[in-house]
C-alpha atoms as a PDB file:
ATOM      1  CA  MET A   1      70.528 127.563  29.910  1.00  0.00           C
ATOM      2  CA  LYS A   2      68.936 124.737  31.818  1.00  0.00           C
ATOM      3  CA  TYR A   3      68.995 121.222  30.434  1.00  0.00           C
ATOM      4  CA  GLY A   4      66.763 118.301  31.260  1.00  0.00           C
ATOM      5  CA  ILE A   5      67.535 114.620  31.403  1.00  0.00           C
ATOM      6  CA  GLY A   6      67.940 113.270  27.885  1.00  0.00           C
ATOM      7  CA  ASP A   7      68.766 116.647  26.307  1.00  0.00           C
ATOM      8  CA  ILE A   8      71.640 116.817  23.835  1.00  0.00           C
ATOM      9  CA  CYS A   9      74.428 119.236  24.727  1.00  0.00           C
ATOM     10  CA  TYR A  10      78.033 119.916  23.798  1.00  0.00           C
ATOM     11  CA  ILE A  11      81.080 119.981  26.053  1.00  0.00           C
ATOM     12  CA  ILE A  12      84.788 120.586  25.625  1.00  0.00           C
ATOM     13  CA  GLU A  13      87.112 117.686  26.348  1.00  0.00           C
ATOM     14  CA  ASN A  14      90.816 117.661  25.467  1.00  0.00           C
ATOM     15  CA  ASP A  15      90.382 120.844  23.415  1.00  0.00           C
ATOM     16  CA  THR A  16      87.720 119.291  21.196  1.00  0.00           C
ATOM     17  CA  VAL A  17      83.972 119.806  21.140  1.00  0.00           C
ATOM     18  CA  LYS A  18      82.053 116.617  21.901  1.00  0.00           C
ATOM     19  CA  ARG A  19      78.348 115.852  21.696  1.00  0.00           C
ATOM     20  CA  ALA A  20      76.816 114.474  24.892  1.00  0.00           C
ATOM     21  CA  ARG A  21      73.485 113.657  26.501  1.00  0.00           C
ATOM     22  CA  VAL A  22      72.462 114.859  29.970  1.00  0.00           C
ATOM     23  CA  SER A  23      71.859 111.938  32.308  1.00  0.00           C
ATOM     24  CA  ALA A  24      71.441 113.818  35.622  1.00  0.00           C
ATOM     25  CA  LYS A  25      71.928 117.159  37.387  1.00  0.00           C
ATOM     26  CA  LYS A  26      73.054 117.738  40.956  1.00  0.00           C
ATOM     27  CA  ASP A  27      74.508 120.712  42.846  1.00  0.00           C
ATOM     28  CA  GLY A  28      75.264 122.856  39.781  1.00  0.00           C
ATOM     29  CA  GLN A  29      76.851 120.030  37.816  1.00  0.00           C
ATOM     30  CA  TYR A  30      75.524 118.026  34.916  1.00  0.00           C
ATOM     31  CA  PHE A  31      76.330 114.364  34.503  1.00  0.00           C
ATOM     32  CA  VAL A  32      76.717 113.768  30.800  1.00  0.00           C
ATOM     33  CA  GLN A  33      77.352 110.740  28.608  1.00  0.00           C
ATOM     34  CA  PHE A  34      79.049 110.924  25.237  1.00  0.00           C
ATOM     35  CA  VAL A  35      76.651 109.843  22.527  1.00  0.00           C
ATOM     36  CA  GLY A  36      77.479 106.253  21.581  1.00  0.00           C
ATOM     37  CA  SER A  37      79.604 105.341  24.596  1.00  0.00           C
ATOM     38  CA  CYS A  38      79.237 104.211  28.192  1.00  0.00           C
ATOM     39  CA  GLY A  39      80.179 106.044  31.383  1.00  0.00           C
ATOM     40  CA  ALA A  40      79.417 109.548  32.545  1.00  0.00           C
ATOM     41  CA  LEU A  41      81.282 112.757  33.353  1.00  0.00           C
ATOM     42  CA  ALA A  42      80.438 115.452  35.870  1.00  0.00           C
ATOM     43  CA  VAL A  43      80.658 118.823  34.124  1.00  0.00           C
ATOM     44  CA  PRO A  44      80.116 122.242  35.764  1.00  0.00           C
ATOM     45  CA  GLU A  45      76.976 124.009  34.569  1.00  0.00           C
ATOM     46  CA  ASN A  46      78.962 126.827  32.936  1.00  0.00           C
ATOM     47  CA  GLU A  47      80.854 124.360  30.695  1.00  0.00           C
ATOM     48  CA  VAL A  48      77.780 122.824  29.048  1.00  0.00           C
ATOM     49  CA  TYR A  49      76.739 124.379  25.730  1.00  0.00           C
ATOM     50  CA  ALA A  50      73.625 124.173  23.549  1.00  0.00           C
ATOM     51  CA  THR A  51      75.393 124.216  20.155  1.00  0.00           C
ATOM     52  CA  PRO A  52      78.834 123.291  18.824  1.00  0.00           C
ATOM     53  CA  GLU A  53      79.367 126.948  17.908  1.00  0.00           C
ATOM     54  CA  GLU A  54      78.807 128.049  21.515  1.00  0.00           C
ATOM     55  CA  ALA A  55      81.259 125.403  22.699  1.00  0.00           C
ATOM     56  CA  GLU A  56      83.903 126.608  20.216  1.00  0.00           C
ATOM     57  CA  ALA A  57      83.414 130.172  21.456  1.00  0.00           C
ATOM     58  CA  GLY A  58      83.772 128.906  25.040  1.00  0.00           C
ATOM     59  CA  MET A  59      86.980 127.134  24.087  1.00  0.00           C
ATOM     60  CA  LYS A  60      88.487 130.377  22.806  1.00  0.00           C
ATOM     61  CA  LYS A  61      87.899 132.392  25.964  1.00  0.00           C
ATOM     62  CA  ASP A  62      90.270 132.039  28.905  1.00  0.00           C
ATOM     63  CA  ARG A  63      89.097 129.102  30.958  1.00  0.00           C
ATOM     64  CA  ASN A  64      90.350 128.440  34.456  1.00  0.00           C
ATOM     65  CA  LEU A  65      91.717 124.923  34.138  1.00  0.00           C
ATOM     66  CA  SER A  66      92.715 123.200  37.316  1.00  0.00           C
ATOM     67  CA  SER A  67      93.594 119.661  38.172  1.00  0.00           C
ATOM     68  CA  PRO A  68      90.878 117.765  40.065  1.00  0.00           C
ATOM     69  CA  VAL A  69      93.641 116.105  42.108  1.00  0.00           C
ATOM     70  CA  ARG A  70      95.520 118.148  44.680  1.00  0.00           C
ATOM     71  CA  TYR A  71      98.865 116.821  45.723  1.00  0.00           C
ATOM     72  CA  LEU A  72     100.193 117.396  49.249  1.00  0.00           C
END
């Protein structure tokens, strides 16, 4: 599903579903802000959900979690 700037969405952070607002989109990633707080996160398009129920279902399936930092 495609989201526009200002749309409400749900993401998974630290194994909990959080409500967020889309602030921008670039190169297959959404930049989202948690409702009621400052700052933004870059989230891949496939990890942004329309409802809390969809996010919970996404949390249950095997997700490929990798560290954004690669150590040499």
